Protein backbone atom coordinates (compact mmCIF):
# COMPACT_ATOMS: atom_id res chain seq x y z
CA MET A 1 -90.51 -19.98 -99.05
CA LYS A 2 -94.18 -20.10 -98.47
CA LEU A 3 -97.29 -22.30 -97.90
CA LEU A 4 -99.14 -23.31 -101.00
CA SER A 5 -102.00 -24.81 -99.04
CA VAL A 6 -103.10 -25.67 -95.49
CA ASN A 7 -104.89 -29.02 -95.68
CA ILE A 8 -107.59 -30.44 -93.37
CA GLY A 9 -108.57 -34.11 -93.22
CA ARG A 10 -111.98 -35.32 -94.11
CA PRO A 11 -112.95 -38.58 -92.24
CA ARG A 12 -113.46 -41.70 -94.47
CA PRO A 13 -113.64 -45.41 -93.97
CA ASN A 14 -110.22 -47.16 -93.47
CA PRO A 15 -110.34 -50.56 -95.07
CA TRP A 16 -106.49 -50.84 -94.77
CA LYS A 17 -106.24 -51.09 -91.02
CA ASN A 18 -108.58 -52.41 -88.22
CA LEU A 19 -109.86 -48.95 -87.63
CA GLY A 20 -113.23 -47.29 -88.38
CA ALA A 21 -111.83 -44.30 -90.10
CA THR A 22 -108.80 -42.45 -91.33
CA GLY A 23 -108.04 -38.74 -91.65
CA ILE A 24 -105.53 -39.09 -94.52
CA ASP A 25 -107.92 -37.53 -97.07
CA LYS A 26 -106.66 -33.92 -96.70
CA ARG A 27 -108.07 -31.01 -98.70
CA PRO A 28 -106.92 -27.42 -98.91
CA ALA A 29 -108.82 -25.14 -96.54
CA ASP A 30 -110.37 -21.81 -97.45
CA GLY A 31 -109.27 -18.90 -95.20
CA PRO A 32 -107.16 -19.06 -92.03
CA VAL A 33 -106.73 -22.13 -89.89
CA ALA A 34 -105.93 -22.09 -86.12
CA VAL A 35 -102.80 -23.93 -85.07
CA ARG A 36 -102.14 -24.96 -81.48
CA ASP A 37 -100.29 -27.70 -79.42
CA PRO A 38 -102.55 -30.65 -79.30
CA GLY A 39 -101.10 -32.17 -76.12
CA PRO A 40 -100.01 -35.85 -75.52
CA LYS A 41 -100.55 -38.63 -78.15
CA GLY A 42 -103.63 -40.86 -77.56
CA THR A 43 -106.60 -38.59 -78.02
CA GLY A 44 -106.54 -38.15 -81.81
CA ALA A 45 -105.83 -34.48 -81.51
CA VAL A 46 -103.47 -32.73 -83.93
CA GLY A 47 -102.20 -29.22 -84.40
CA LEU A 48 -104.77 -27.88 -86.96
CA ALA A 49 -108.29 -26.93 -85.98
CA GLY A 50 -110.88 -29.09 -87.76
CA ASP A 51 -108.34 -32.06 -88.29
CA ARG A 52 -107.73 -35.26 -86.28
CA VAL A 53 -106.19 -38.70 -86.55
CA TYR A 54 -107.95 -42.06 -85.83
CA ASP A 55 -104.92 -44.35 -85.33
CA VAL A 56 -104.30 -42.71 -81.96
CA LYS A 57 -101.58 -45.23 -80.98
CA HIS A 58 -99.20 -44.17 -83.74
CA HIS A 59 -100.27 -40.69 -84.87
CA GLY A 60 -101.11 -37.28 -83.33
CA GLY A 61 -99.94 -35.55 -80.26
CA SER A 62 -97.43 -32.77 -79.73
CA ASP A 63 -94.54 -34.43 -81.57
CA GLN A 64 -96.68 -35.05 -84.66
CA ALA A 65 -98.88 -31.98 -84.45
CA VAL A 66 -98.37 -30.86 -88.08
CA TYR A 67 -97.14 -32.74 -91.09
CA ALA A 68 -95.32 -30.76 -93.91
CA TYR A 69 -94.43 -32.02 -97.38
CA ALA A 70 -92.88 -30.00 -100.26
CA ARG A 71 -94.58 -29.42 -103.43
CA GLU A 72 -91.37 -30.04 -105.33
CA ASP A 73 -91.26 -33.62 -103.88
CA LEU A 74 -95.00 -34.14 -104.90
CA ASP A 75 -94.01 -33.02 -108.34
CA ARG A 76 -91.22 -35.60 -108.47
CA TRP A 77 -93.73 -38.26 -107.43
CA GLU A 78 -96.15 -37.12 -110.10
CA GLY A 79 -93.58 -37.78 -112.71
CA GLU A 80 -92.59 -41.21 -111.20
CA LEU A 81 -96.22 -42.37 -110.68
CA GLY A 82 -97.56 -40.88 -113.91
CA ARG A 83 -100.63 -39.23 -112.25
CA PRO A 84 -101.60 -35.95 -110.68
CA LEU A 85 -101.02 -35.39 -106.96
CA PRO A 86 -102.95 -32.34 -105.68
CA ASN A 87 -101.92 -30.59 -102.65
CA GLY A 88 -102.78 -32.78 -99.61
CA SER A 89 -102.43 -36.06 -101.55
CA PHE A 90 -99.86 -37.48 -99.06
CA GLY A 91 -101.98 -36.57 -96.13
CA GLU A 92 -99.90 -33.53 -95.41
CA ASN A 93 -101.21 -30.56 -93.50
CA LEU A 94 -98.79 -28.06 -95.09
CA THR A 95 -97.82 -28.18 -98.73
CA THR A 96 -94.72 -25.95 -99.06
CA ALA A 97 -92.83 -24.27 -101.91
CA GLY A 98 -89.26 -23.31 -102.01
CA LEU A 99 -88.40 -25.23 -98.81
CA ASP A 100 -86.36 -28.40 -98.84
CA VAL A 101 -88.39 -30.12 -95.97
CA ASN A 102 -86.19 -33.24 -96.04
CA ALA A 103 -83.02 -31.26 -95.68
CA ALA A 104 -84.42 -29.46 -92.46
CA LEU A 105 -82.65 -30.20 -89.23
CA ILE A 106 -84.40 -31.91 -86.37
CA GLY A 107 -85.08 -29.03 -84.01
CA GLU A 108 -85.05 -26.42 -86.69
CA ARG A 109 -87.78 -23.82 -86.20
CA TRP A 110 -89.94 -22.13 -88.78
CA ARG A 111 -92.02 -18.96 -88.48
CA VAL A 112 -95.17 -19.41 -90.57
CA GLY A 113 -97.12 -16.26 -91.25
CA PRO A 114 -96.83 -13.43 -88.57
CA ASP A 115 -97.36 -15.57 -85.46
CA VAL A 116 -96.85 -19.30 -85.70
CA ILE A 117 -93.58 -20.95 -84.77
CA LEU A 118 -93.27 -24.71 -85.60
CA GLU A 119 -90.35 -27.02 -84.71
CA VAL A 120 -89.14 -29.94 -86.82
CA SER A 121 -89.46 -33.09 -84.72
CA CYS A 122 -89.12 -36.28 -86.81
CA PRO A 123 -89.73 -37.74 -90.30
CA ARG A 124 -93.01 -39.40 -91.35
CA ILE A 125 -92.72 -43.27 -91.37
CA PRO A 126 -95.06 -44.79 -94.09
CA CYS A 127 -97.85 -47.17 -93.06
CA GLY A 128 -100.48 -49.45 -94.58
CA THR A 129 -103.15 -46.74 -94.67
CA PHE A 130 -100.78 -44.57 -96.78
CA GLN A 131 -100.12 -47.39 -99.18
CA GLY A 132 -103.76 -48.22 -99.50
CA TRP A 133 -104.76 -44.56 -99.97
CA LEU A 134 -102.39 -44.14 -102.82
CA GLU A 135 -103.54 -47.51 -104.41
CA THR A 136 -99.90 -48.27 -105.28
CA GLU A 137 -98.60 -51.81 -104.73
CA GLY A 138 -95.22 -51.75 -102.99
CA TRP A 139 -95.71 -48.19 -101.99
CA ILE A 140 -94.18 -48.45 -98.50
CA ARG A 141 -91.00 -49.98 -99.92
CA ARG A 142 -90.81 -47.37 -102.82
CA PHE A 143 -91.39 -44.39 -100.41
CA THR A 144 -88.87 -45.69 -97.97
CA GLU A 145 -86.15 -46.25 -100.60
CA ALA A 146 -86.65 -42.73 -101.92
CA ALA A 147 -86.05 -41.21 -98.46
CA ARG A 148 -88.19 -38.16 -99.17
CA PRO A 149 -90.51 -38.55 -96.09
CA GLY A 150 -91.52 -34.97 -95.22
CA ALA A 151 -91.47 -33.68 -91.65
CA TYR A 152 -93.63 -33.68 -88.49
CA LEU A 153 -93.61 -30.48 -86.51
CA ARG A 154 -94.38 -29.29 -82.98
CA VAL A 155 -96.26 -26.17 -82.27
CA ILE A 156 -94.16 -23.73 -80.33
CA GLU A 157 -96.13 -20.70 -80.70
CA PRO A 158 -99.78 -20.86 -81.68
CA GLY A 159 -101.80 -18.71 -84.08
CA ASP A 160 -103.49 -18.68 -87.47
CA ILE A 161 -101.97 -19.71 -90.80
CA ARG A 162 -103.34 -19.71 -94.35
CA ALA A 163 -102.29 -20.39 -97.89
CA GLY A 164 -99.80 -17.82 -99.23
CA ASP A 165 -98.14 -17.26 -95.73
CA PRO A 166 -94.30 -16.88 -95.84
CA VAL A 167 -92.19 -19.55 -94.15
CA GLU A 168 -88.95 -18.31 -92.59
CA VAL A 169 -86.27 -20.49 -90.81
CA VAL A 170 -85.64 -18.68 -87.56
CA HIS A 171 -83.38 -21.31 -85.81
CA ARG A 172 -81.16 -24.11 -86.91
CA PRO A 173 -79.53 -26.33 -84.16
CA ASP A 174 -75.85 -27.05 -84.08
CA HIS A 175 -75.84 -30.60 -85.39
CA ASP A 176 -76.21 -32.26 -88.83
CA VAL A 177 -79.20 -34.61 -88.19
CA THR A 178 -81.61 -33.89 -91.12
CA VAL A 179 -85.14 -35.21 -91.53
CA ALA A 180 -83.81 -37.44 -94.38
CA LEU A 181 -80.92 -38.76 -92.32
CA ALA A 182 -83.26 -39.58 -89.39
CA PHE A 183 -85.68 -41.39 -91.77
CA ARG A 184 -82.83 -43.46 -93.27
CA ALA A 185 -81.61 -44.32 -89.79
CA LEU A 186 -85.00 -45.38 -88.50
CA THR A 187 -85.86 -47.43 -91.61
CA ARG A 188 -83.12 -48.95 -93.79
CA GLU A 189 -79.82 -47.82 -92.41
CA PRO A 190 -79.55 -48.72 -88.74
CA ASP A 191 -75.68 -47.96 -88.76
CA LEU A 192 -76.82 -44.30 -88.70
CA LEU A 193 -78.75 -44.54 -85.49
CA PRO A 194 -76.10 -43.35 -83.06
CA ARG A 195 -75.92 -40.06 -84.95
CA LEU A 196 -79.58 -39.29 -84.02
CA LEU A 197 -78.72 -38.77 -80.36
CA ALA A 198 -77.12 -35.49 -81.28
CA ALA A 199 -80.63 -34.22 -82.09
CA ASP A 200 -82.10 -33.23 -78.61
CA ALA A 201 -85.38 -32.34 -80.25
CA LEU A 202 -85.94 -35.79 -81.57
CA PRO A 203 -89.11 -37.24 -79.90
CA GLU A 204 -88.35 -39.21 -76.73
CA GLU A 205 -89.91 -42.41 -78.05
CA ASP A 206 -87.52 -42.25 -81.00
CA ARG A 207 -84.57 -41.51 -78.81
CA GLU A 208 -85.51 -44.50 -76.56
CA LEU A 209 -85.70 -46.64 -79.72
CA VAL A 210 -82.14 -45.55 -80.67
CA ARG A 211 -80.80 -46.29 -77.17
CA ARG A 212 -82.52 -49.69 -77.18
CA ARG A 213 -81.12 -50.64 -80.64
CA THR A 214 -77.65 -49.35 -80.08
CA GLY A 215 -77.19 -49.92 -76.35
CA ALA A 216 -76.30 -46.28 -75.97
């Protein structure tokens, strides 16, 4: 398991939302990239140096510090969409190889390179910017139905990472709430919502949503 690329966003206009810019246009970085906890949501800060988000209400902050997507899933989408999808195409910071990102458990921890520890926090929920960026009609529905969302991660231990770094799973919590299951529960399968409360590492705003919808 390893990183194929570490991707940093280039600001570009965002005609798909009432925002001046978007950071979804991610490109592989040359050399090492510093990773750190960005702090609370609302400032636009994310976990990778040189990157940021512009929809500060919905993105960024400690629970969405880093976004990972598997190259294997990008390859499947290439076949389904009939076009190339270079690393970073889905706005992911980390393009991985040999790691089933969607089968990762909420709260699972990865060591990336010699120093960095990341913790799986929640799935990515698609938005209008993502659909507009891919220029694919009905993309939000299609992505949701596929339930291959990729994972947001927290920064537990900071450091530098780079393409080629190994990824090692160093902790797996004692529950069965995967990224894919959490995504299905939060989107199309609300009957699964009660199961999410077993995952203590799920962001508090998602746990509150579960409690509100289920009365737990």
